[in-house]
Amino acid sequence: MTTLPLAVVVFSVMTAACSAVPARDPARDREAIASVTAQTQAAENAGSVEQMRVHFADDLVLLAPNTPAVIGADSVAAAMHSFFGAFGVEIQYTSEEIIVSGDWAFDRGTYRQTLTPKKGGAPMIENGKYLWLYRRSPDGVWKQSRVIWNSSDPLPSGGV
């Protein structure tokens, strides 16, 4: 009659193993991603690459306007250090859509930013849109994997 106790042990082990894997909760995932966006906004406004860096996936790809792609978290951090050295930033992100599908998600929205050149000159105001792709890391934390944005402002006269 060792079959019954063995079945109880197997069932207990299986139940414990299943409970160790966190259940997917799309609402909680969307909240976590919205929190990363808010933290990124605060970090940009503070000019803090260190605060931004915690949200970077190691293979992050930054697709900024009018520049080549920047690949890898360390390279993106270096590019952001350079950017914050040149500009004071005031930015406001407004998320319009956060979609989660398994271990991937995206946040699509708009932004308004004022860039103030640190060497002097008039502040530049820009309105634009963004699309940030996230990947869930093995520890369950959402990391920015692909960051894309561009201006929504019209081209200066004479542009297409």
N, C-alpha and C. Protein backbone atom coordinates (compact mmCIF):
# COMPACT_ATOMS: atom_id res chain seq x y z
N MET A 1 0.81 -1.19 0.00
CA MET A 1 0.00 0.00 0.00
C MET A 1 0.86 1.26 0.00
N THR A 2 2.02 1.22 -0.64
CA THR A 2 2.87 2.40 -0.73
C THR A 2 2.48 3.30 -1.89
N THR A 3 1.56 2.85 -2.71
CA THR A 3 1.15 3.64 -3.86
C THR A 3 0.46 4.94 -3.44
N LEU A 4 -0.42 4.90 -2.47
CA LEU A 4 -1.13 6.10 -2.05
C LEU A 4 -0.18 7.14 -1.47
N PRO A 5 0.72 6.80 -0.53
CA PRO A 5 1.64 7.82 -0.03
C PRO A 5 2.54 8.37 -1.14
N LEU A 6 2.97 7.53 -2.07
CA LEU A 6 3.80 8.00 -3.17
C LEU A 6 3.02 8.99 -4.04
N ALA A 7 1.76 8.71 -4.29
CA ALA A 7 0.92 9.61 -5.08
C ALA A 7 0.75 10.95 -4.37
N VAL A 8 0.62 10.92 -3.06
CA VAL A 8 0.48 12.16 -2.28
C VAL A 8 1.76 12.97 -2.38
N VAL A 9 2.91 12.32 -2.28
CA VAL A 9 4.20 13.01 -2.38
C VAL A 9 4.35 13.63 -3.77
N VAL A 10 4.05 12.87 -4.83
CA VAL A 10 4.16 13.38 -6.20
C VAL A 10 3.23 14.57 -6.39
N PHE A 11 1.99 14.45 -5.91
CA PHE A 11 1.04 15.55 -6.03
C PHE A 11 1.54 16.79 -5.29
N SER A 12 2.09 16.60 -4.10
CA SER A 12 2.60 17.72 -3.31
C SER A 12 3.76 18.41 -4.00
N VAL A 13 4.67 17.62 -4.58
CA VAL A 13 5.82 18.18 -5.29
C VAL A 13 5.34 18.96 -6.52
N MET A 14 4.40 18.37 -7.27
CA MET A 14 3.88 19.04 -8.46
C MET A 14 3.18 20.35 -8.09
N THR A 15 2.40 20.34 -7.02
CA THR A 15 1.70 21.54 -6.59
C THR A 15 2.70 22.61 -6.18
N ALA A 16 3.73 22.25 -5.45
CA ALA A 16 4.75 23.22 -5.02
C ALA A 16 5.49 23.78 -6.23
N ALA A 17 5.80 22.93 -7.20
CA ALA A 17 6.51 23.39 -8.39
C ALA A 17 5.65 24.37 -9.19
N CYS A 18 4.37 24.09 -9.30
CA CYS A 18 3.48 24.98 -10.05
C CYS A 18 3.30 26.31 -9.34
N SER A 19 3.27 26.28 -8.01
CA SER A 19 3.08 27.54 -7.29
C SER A 19 4.35 28.38 -7.29
N ALA A 20 5.50 27.79 -7.60
CA ALA A 20 6.76 28.55 -7.65
C ALA A 20 6.81 29.42 -8.91
N VAL A 21 6.05 29.06 -9.95
CA VAL A 21 5.99 29.85 -11.18
C VAL A 21 4.89 30.89 -11.00
N PRO A 22 5.24 32.17 -11.02
CA PRO A 22 4.20 33.17 -10.80
C PRO A 22 3.14 33.13 -11.90
N ALA A 23 1.89 33.25 -11.47
CA ALA A 23 0.80 33.29 -12.43
C ALA A 23 0.88 34.58 -13.23
N ARG A 24 0.57 34.52 -14.50
CA ARG A 24 0.57 35.71 -15.34
C ARG A 24 -0.66 36.53 -15.00
N ASP A 25 -0.44 37.81 -14.78
CA ASP A 25 -1.51 38.74 -14.46
C ASP A 25 -1.33 39.95 -15.36
N PRO A 26 -2.04 39.99 -16.51
CA PRO A 26 -1.85 41.09 -17.47
C PRO A 26 -2.04 42.47 -16.86
N ALA A 27 -3.00 42.63 -15.96
CA ALA A 27 -3.21 43.94 -15.34
C ALA A 27 -1.99 44.33 -14.51
N ARG A 28 -1.45 43.40 -13.76
CA ARG A 28 -0.25 43.68 -12.96
C ARG A 28 0.94 43.95 -13.87
N ASP A 29 1.04 43.22 -14.98
CA ASP A 29 2.13 43.46 -15.93
C ASP A 29 2.03 44.86 -16.53
N ARG A 30 0.82 45.28 -16.90
CA ARG A 30 0.64 46.63 -17.45
C ARG A 30 1.00 47.69 -16.41
N GLU A 31 0.64 47.47 -15.16
CA GLU A 31 1.01 48.39 -14.10
C GLU A 31 2.52 48.46 -13.93
N ALA A 32 3.19 47.31 -14.00
CA ALA A 32 4.65 47.28 -13.85
C ALA A 32 5.33 48.05 -14.99
N ILE A 33 4.82 47.88 -16.20
CA ILE A 33 5.38 48.59 -17.35
C ILE A 33 5.11 50.08 -17.24
N ALA A 34 3.91 50.46 -16.84
CA ALA A 34 3.60 51.89 -16.63
C ALA A 34 4.52 52.48 -15.57
N SER A 35 4.86 51.69 -14.57
CA SER A 35 5.77 52.16 -13.53
C SER A 35 7.18 52.39 -14.09
N VAL A 36 7.63 51.50 -14.97
CA VAL A 36 8.95 51.69 -15.60
C VAL A 36 8.94 52.98 -16.43
N THR A 37 7.86 53.24 -17.15
CA THR A 37 7.76 54.47 -17.93
C THR A 37 7.85 55.69 -17.01
N ALA A 38 7.13 55.66 -15.90
CA ALA A 38 7.16 56.78 -14.95
C ALA A 38 8.56 56.94 -14.35
N GLN A 39 9.21 55.83 -14.03
CA GLN A 39 10.56 55.90 -13.47
C GLN A 39 11.56 56.41 -14.51
N THR A 40 11.37 56.02 -15.76
CA THR A 40 12.24 56.50 -16.83
C THR A 40 12.05 58.00 -17.01
N GLN A 41 10.82 58.46 -16.98
CA GLN A 41 10.54 59.89 -17.08
C GLN A 41 11.26 60.65 -15.96
N ALA A 42 11.13 60.18 -14.73
CA ALA A 42 11.78 60.84 -13.60
C ALA A 42 13.31 60.83 -13.76
N ALA A 43 13.86 59.71 -14.25
CA ALA A 43 15.30 59.62 -14.44
C ALA A 43 15.78 60.58 -15.52
N GLU A 44 15.04 60.67 -16.61
CA GLU A 44 15.41 61.61 -17.67
C GLU A 44 15.35 63.05 -17.17
N ASN A 45 14.30 63.38 -16.44
CA ASN A 45 14.18 64.74 -15.91
C ASN A 45 15.29 65.06 -14.92
N ALA A 46 15.80 64.04 -14.23
CA ALA A 46 16.91 64.22 -13.29
C ALA A 46 18.27 64.12 -13.99
N GLY A 47 18.27 63.72 -15.27
CA GLY A 47 19.54 63.53 -15.98
C GLY A 47 20.33 62.36 -15.43
N SER A 48 19.65 61.33 -14.93
CA SER A 48 20.31 60.20 -14.27
C SER A 48 20.31 58.93 -15.13
N VAL A 49 21.44 58.67 -15.75
CA VAL A 49 21.58 57.43 -16.52
C VAL A 49 21.50 56.22 -15.58
N GLU A 50 22.03 56.35 -14.38
CA GLU A 50 22.03 55.23 -13.44
C GLU A 50 20.60 54.78 -13.11
N GLN A 51 19.69 55.75 -12.96
CA GLN A 51 18.29 55.41 -12.68
C GLN A 51 17.62 54.78 -13.90
N MET A 52 18.04 55.18 -15.08
CA MET A 52 17.50 54.59 -16.31
C MET A 52 18.04 53.18 -16.53
N ARG A 53 19.34 53.01 -16.25
CA ARG A 53 20.07 51.78 -16.57
C ARG A 53 19.45 50.53 -15.97
N VAL A 54 18.83 50.65 -14.80
CA VAL A 54 18.24 49.48 -14.14
C VAL A 54 17.11 48.87 -14.96
N HIS A 55 16.57 49.63 -15.91
CA HIS A 55 15.45 49.14 -16.73
C HIS A 55 15.90 48.63 -18.10
N PHE A 56 17.20 48.65 -18.37
CA PHE A 56 17.71 48.23 -19.68
C PHE A 56 17.94 46.73 -19.73
N ALA A 57 17.43 46.07 -20.76
CA ALA A 57 17.85 44.71 -21.06
C ALA A 57 19.28 44.77 -21.58
N ASP A 58 20.05 43.73 -21.38
CA ASP A 58 21.44 43.73 -21.83
C ASP A 58 21.55 43.97 -23.33
N ASP A 59 20.58 43.48 -24.09
CA ASP A 59 20.62 43.61 -25.56
C ASP A 59 19.76 44.77 -26.06
N LEU A 60 19.54 45.78 -25.22
CA LEU A 60 18.73 46.93 -25.58
C LEU A 60 19.20 47.53 -26.91
N VAL A 61 18.23 47.90 -27.75
CA VAL A 61 18.51 48.63 -29.00
C VAL A 61 17.76 49.95 -28.91
N LEU A 62 18.50 51.05 -29.06
CA LEU A 62 17.94 52.39 -29.02
C LEU A 62 17.87 52.92 -30.44
N LEU A 63 16.67 53.26 -30.89
CA LEU A 63 16.45 53.77 -32.23
C LEU A 63 15.96 55.21 -32.13
N ALA A 64 16.91 56.11 -31.94
CA ALA A 64 16.62 57.54 -31.80
C ALA A 64 16.53 58.18 -33.18
N PRO A 65 15.82 59.30 -33.28
CA PRO A 65 15.71 59.98 -34.58
C PRO A 65 17.07 60.50 -35.05
N ASN A 66 17.28 60.42 -36.34
CA ASN A 66 18.42 61.04 -37.01
C ASN A 66 19.79 60.53 -36.55
N THR A 67 19.84 59.34 -35.99
CA THR A 67 21.11 58.76 -35.55
C THR A 67 21.10 57.26 -35.85
N PRO A 68 22.28 56.66 -35.95
CA PRO A 68 22.33 55.21 -36.11
C PRO A 68 21.81 54.50 -34.86
N ALA A 69 21.42 53.26 -35.00
CA ALA A 69 20.98 52.46 -33.86
C ALA A 69 22.13 52.33 -32.86
N VAL A 70 21.79 52.35 -31.58
CA VAL A 70 22.75 52.12 -30.51
C VAL A 70 22.38 50.77 -29.91
N ILE A 71 23.33 49.84 -29.88
CA ILE A 71 23.04 48.46 -29.50
C ILE A 71 23.81 48.08 -28.24
N GLY A 72 23.08 47.54 -27.27
CA GLY A 72 23.67 47.08 -26.02
C GLY A 72 23.47 48.09 -24.90
N ALA A 73 23.16 47.59 -23.71
CA ALA A 73 22.86 48.45 -22.57
C ALA A 73 24.00 49.39 -22.23
N ASP A 74 25.23 48.91 -22.28
CA ASP A 74 26.37 49.78 -21.95
C ASP A 74 26.53 50.89 -22.98
N SER A 75 26.33 50.57 -24.25
CA SER A 75 26.43 51.59 -25.30
C SER A 75 25.31 52.62 -25.18
N VAL A 76 24.11 52.16 -24.84
CA VAL A 76 22.99 53.09 -24.66
C VAL A 76 23.27 53.99 -23.46
N ALA A 77 23.79 53.42 -22.37
CA ALA A 77 24.11 54.23 -21.19
C ALA A 77 25.15 55.30 -21.55
N ALA A 78 26.16 54.94 -22.32
CA ALA A 78 27.18 55.92 -22.74
C ALA A 78 26.55 57.02 -23.59
N ALA A 79 25.66 56.65 -24.51
CA ALA A 79 24.99 57.64 -25.35
C ALA A 79 24.13 58.57 -24.50
N MET A 80 23.46 58.04 -23.50
CA MET A 80 22.62 58.86 -22.63
C MET A 80 23.48 59.80 -21.78
N HIS A 81 24.64 59.32 -21.31
CA HIS A 81 25.56 60.21 -20.57
C HIS A 81 25.94 61.40 -21.44
N SER A 82 26.25 61.14 -22.68
CA SER A 82 26.62 62.20 -23.62
C SER A 82 25.44 63.16 -23.83
N PHE A 83 24.26 62.62 -24.02
CA PHE A 83 23.06 63.44 -24.23
C PHE A 83 22.79 64.33 -23.03
N PHE A 84 22.83 63.74 -21.82
CA PHE A 84 22.57 64.52 -20.61
C PHE A 84 23.68 65.53 -20.34
N GLY A 85 24.87 65.28 -20.87
CA GLY A 85 25.95 66.26 -20.77
C GLY A 85 25.68 67.48 -21.64
N ALA A 86 24.94 67.29 -22.71
CA ALA A 86 24.66 68.38 -23.64
C ALA A 86 23.34 69.10 -23.36
N PHE A 87 22.36 68.42 -22.77
CA PHE A 87 21.03 69.00 -22.60
C PHE A 87 20.46 68.77 -21.21
N GLY A 88 19.75 69.77 -20.73
CA GLY A 88 18.83 69.59 -19.62
C GLY A 88 17.53 69.11 -20.22
N VAL A 89 16.87 68.16 -19.58
CA VAL A 89 15.67 67.54 -20.14
C VAL A 89 14.49 67.74 -19.21
N GLU A 90 13.39 68.15 -19.81
CA GLU A 90 12.08 68.13 -19.14
C GLU A 90 11.17 67.36 -20.08
N ILE A 91 10.73 66.19 -19.64
CA ILE A 91 9.92 65.35 -20.53
C ILE A 91 8.69 64.85 -19.78
N GLN A 92 7.62 64.68 -20.53
CA GLN A 92 6.38 64.12 -20.00
C GLN A 92 5.91 63.04 -20.97
N TYR A 93 5.82 61.80 -20.49
CA TYR A 93 5.31 60.69 -21.30
C TYR A 93 3.84 60.48 -20.99
N THR A 94 3.07 60.17 -22.02
CA THR A 94 1.66 59.81 -21.86
C THR A 94 1.44 58.49 -22.59
N SER A 95 1.29 57.43 -21.82
CA SER A 95 1.06 56.12 -22.42
C SER A 95 -0.36 56.05 -22.96
N GLU A 96 -0.49 55.54 -24.17
CA GLU A 96 -1.81 55.39 -24.79
C GLU A 96 -2.23 53.94 -24.92
N GLU A 97 -1.24 53.03 -24.83
CA GLU A 97 -1.57 51.62 -25.04
C GLU A 97 -0.42 50.78 -24.49
N ILE A 98 -0.75 49.86 -23.61
CA ILE A 98 0.22 48.88 -23.13
C ILE A 98 -0.38 47.51 -23.41
N ILE A 99 0.31 46.73 -24.20
CA ILE A 99 -0.15 45.38 -24.57
C ILE A 99 0.89 44.37 -24.10
N VAL A 100 0.42 43.31 -23.45
CA VAL A 100 1.29 42.25 -22.94
C VAL A 100 0.93 40.97 -23.66
N SER A 101 1.95 40.28 -24.16
CA SER A 101 1.75 38.98 -24.80
C SER A 101 2.88 38.05 -24.35
N GLY A 102 2.57 37.23 -23.37
CA GLY A 102 3.60 36.33 -22.83
C GLY A 102 4.71 37.12 -22.16
N ASP A 103 5.94 36.87 -22.59
CA ASP A 103 7.10 37.55 -22.01
C ASP A 103 7.52 38.79 -22.78
N TRP A 104 6.68 39.23 -23.71
CA TRP A 104 6.93 40.45 -24.47
C TRP A 104 5.77 41.41 -24.27
N ALA A 105 6.07 42.69 -24.34
CA ALA A 105 5.03 43.70 -24.21
C ALA A 105 5.50 44.96 -24.92
N PHE A 106 4.54 45.86 -25.18
CA PHE A 106 4.94 47.16 -25.68
C PHE A 106 4.11 48.25 -25.01
N ASP A 107 4.73 49.42 -24.95
CA ASP A 107 4.08 50.63 -24.46
C ASP A 107 4.18 51.64 -25.59
N ARG A 108 3.01 52.09 -26.06
CA ARG A 108 2.95 53.09 -27.13
C ARG A 108 2.31 54.34 -26.58
N GLY A 109 2.91 55.49 -26.89
CA GLY A 109 2.33 56.71 -26.39
C GLY A 109 2.94 57.95 -27.03
N THR A 110 2.75 59.07 -26.35
CA THR A 110 3.24 60.35 -26.83
C THR A 110 4.15 60.97 -25.77
N TYR A 111 4.91 61.96 -26.19
CA TYR A 111 5.74 62.71 -25.25
C TYR A 111 5.77 64.17 -25.64
N ARG A 112 6.11 64.97 -24.68
CA ARG A 112 6.40 66.39 -24.90
C ARG A 112 7.67 66.66 -24.10
N GLN A 113 8.67 67.21 -24.78
CA GLN A 113 9.93 67.46 -24.09
C GLN A 113 10.46 68.85 -24.42
N THR A 114 11.19 69.38 -23.46
CA THR A 114 11.95 70.61 -23.65
C THR A 114 13.40 70.27 -23.39
N LEU A 115 14.23 70.49 -24.41
CA LEU A 115 15.67 70.25 -24.30
C LEU A 115 16.35 71.62 -24.21
N THR A 116 17.08 71.83 -23.14
CA THR A 116 17.78 73.10 -22.94
C THR A 116 19.27 72.85 -23.11
N PRO A 117 19.88 73.44 -24.15
CA PRO A 117 21.32 73.24 -24.36
C PRO A 117 22.12 73.77 -23.16
N LYS A 118 23.02 72.95 -22.64
CA LYS A 118 23.81 73.34 -21.48
C LYS A 118 24.88 74.36 -21.83
N LYS A 119 25.24 74.50 -23.10
CA LYS A 119 26.23 75.50 -23.53
C LYS A 119 25.56 76.81 -23.90
N GLY A 120 24.26 76.91 -23.67
CA GLY A 120 23.53 78.12 -24.01
C GLY A 120 22.71 77.94 -25.26
N GLY A 121 21.79 78.82 -25.45
CA GLY A 121 20.91 78.74 -26.61
C GLY A 121 19.48 78.56 -26.17
N ALA A 122 18.61 78.72 -27.12
CA ALA A 122 17.18 78.63 -26.84
C ALA A 122 16.76 77.18 -26.57
N PRO A 123 15.88 76.98 -25.61
CA PRO A 123 15.33 75.63 -25.40
C PRO A 123 14.56 75.17 -26.64
N MET A 124 14.59 73.87 -26.87
CA MET A 124 13.88 73.27 -28.00
C MET A 124 12.72 72.46 -27.44
N ILE A 125 11.54 72.73 -27.95
CA ILE A 125 10.35 72.00 -27.51
C ILE A 125 9.94 71.05 -28.62
N GLU A 126 9.64 69.83 -28.24
CA GLU A 126 9.27 68.81 -29.22
C GLU A 126 8.10 67.99 -28.70
N ASN A 127 7.18 67.69 -29.61
CA ASN A 127 6.09 66.76 -29.35
C ASN A 127 6.33 65.55 -30.22
N GLY A 128 6.14 64.37 -29.66
CA GLY A 128 6.40 63.18 -30.46
C GLY A 128 5.67 61.96 -29.95
N LYS A 129 6.06 60.83 -30.52
CA LYS A 129 5.46 59.55 -30.16
C LYS A 129 6.57 58.55 -29.92
N TYR A 130 6.23 57.51 -29.13
CA TYR A 130 7.22 56.49 -28.80
C TYR A 130 6.59 55.11 -28.88
N LEU A 131 7.46 54.13 -29.04
CA LEU A 131 7.09 52.72 -28.95
C LEU A 131 8.25 52.02 -28.25
N TRP A 132 7.99 51.53 -27.06
CA TRP A 132 9.00 50.83 -26.28
C TRP A 132 8.59 49.37 -26.17
N LEU A 133 9.48 48.48 -26.55
CA LEU A 133 9.25 47.04 -26.42
C LEU A 133 9.94 46.55 -25.15
N TYR A 134 9.23 45.73 -24.42
CA TYR A 134 9.73 45.17 -23.17
C TYR A 134 9.81 43.66 -23.28
N ARG A 135 10.77 43.09 -22.55
CA ARG A 135 10.86 41.63 -22.42
C ARG A 135 10.96 41.32 -20.93
N ARG A 136 10.22 40.32 -20.52
CA ARG A 136 10.27 39.88 -19.12
C ARG A 136 11.57 39.12 -18.91
N SER A 137 12.35 39.52 -17.91
CA SER A 137 13.61 38.85 -17.60
C SER A 137 13.30 37.56 -16.83
N PRO A 138 14.28 36.67 -16.70
CA PRO A 138 14.03 35.41 -15.99
C PRO A 138 13.53 35.60 -14.55
N ASP A 139 13.88 36.71 -13.92
CA ASP A 139 13.41 36.96 -12.56
C ASP A 139 12.03 37.62 -12.53
N GLY A 140 11.40 37.78 -13.71
CA GLY A 140 10.04 38.31 -13.79
C GLY A 140 9.95 39.82 -13.95
N VAL A 141 11.09 40.50 -14.00
CA VAL A 141 11.11 41.96 -14.10
C VAL A 141 11.06 42.36 -15.57
N TRP A 142 10.26 43.38 -15.88
CA TRP A 142 10.16 43.88 -17.25
C TRP A 142 11.33 44.80 -17.54
N LYS A 143 12.03 44.55 -18.66
CA LYS A 143 13.18 45.34 -19.07
C LYS A 143 12.93 45.92 -20.46
N GLN A 144 13.41 47.14 -20.68
CA GLN A 144 13.30 47.76 -21.99
C GLN A 144 14.23 47.02 -22.95
N SER A 145 13.66 46.57 -24.05
CA SER A 145 14.42 45.80 -25.03
C SER A 145 14.66 46.58 -26.32
N ARG A 146 13.68 47.33 -26.76
CA ARG A 146 13.80 48.17 -27.95
C ARG A 146 13.10 49.48 -27.63
N VAL A 147 13.79 50.60 -27.85
CA VAL A 147 13.25 51.93 -27.53
C VAL A 147 13.29 52.76 -28.80
N ILE A 148 12.12 53.20 -29.24
CA ILE A 148 11.97 53.91 -30.51
C ILE A 148 11.14 55.16 -30.25
N TRP A 149 11.55 56.30 -30.81
CA TRP A 149 10.72 57.49 -30.75
C TRP A 149 11.02 58.41 -31.92
N ASN A 150 10.08 59.30 -32.20
CA ASN A 150 10.29 60.32 -33.24
C ASN A 150 9.31 61.46 -33.05
N SER A 151 9.65 62.57 -33.68
CA SER A 151 8.88 63.80 -33.55
C SER A 151 7.56 63.71 -34.29
N SER A 152 6.58 64.38 -33.75
CA SER A 152 5.30 64.55 -34.44
C SER A 152 5.15 65.97 -34.98
N ASP A 153 6.15 66.82 -34.70
CA ASP A 153 6.10 68.21 -35.16
C ASP A 153 6.31 68.26 -36.67
N PRO A 154 5.68 69.24 -37.31
CA PRO A 154 5.87 69.37 -38.77
C PRO A 154 7.32 69.76 -39.09
N LEU A 155 7.77 69.34 -40.26
CA LEU A 155 9.09 69.75 -40.74
C LEU A 155 9.11 71.26 -40.97
N PRO A 156 10.30 71.87 -40.84
CA PRO A 156 10.37 73.30 -41.15
C PRO A 156 9.92 73.54 -42.59
N SER A 157 9.50 74.77 -42.90
CA SER A 157 9.01 75.05 -44.25
C SER A 157 10.04 74.65 -45.29
N GLY A 158 9.56 74.14 -46.36
CA GLY A 158 10.45 73.62 -47.40
C GLY A 158 10.67 72.14 -47.29
N GLY A 159 10.23 71.51 -46.17
CA GLY A 159 10.39 70.06 -46.01
C GLY A 159 9.29 69.33 -46.72
N VAL A 160 9.43 68.04 -46.82
CA VAL A 160 8.44 67.20 -47.49
C VAL A 160 7.24 67.00 -46.61
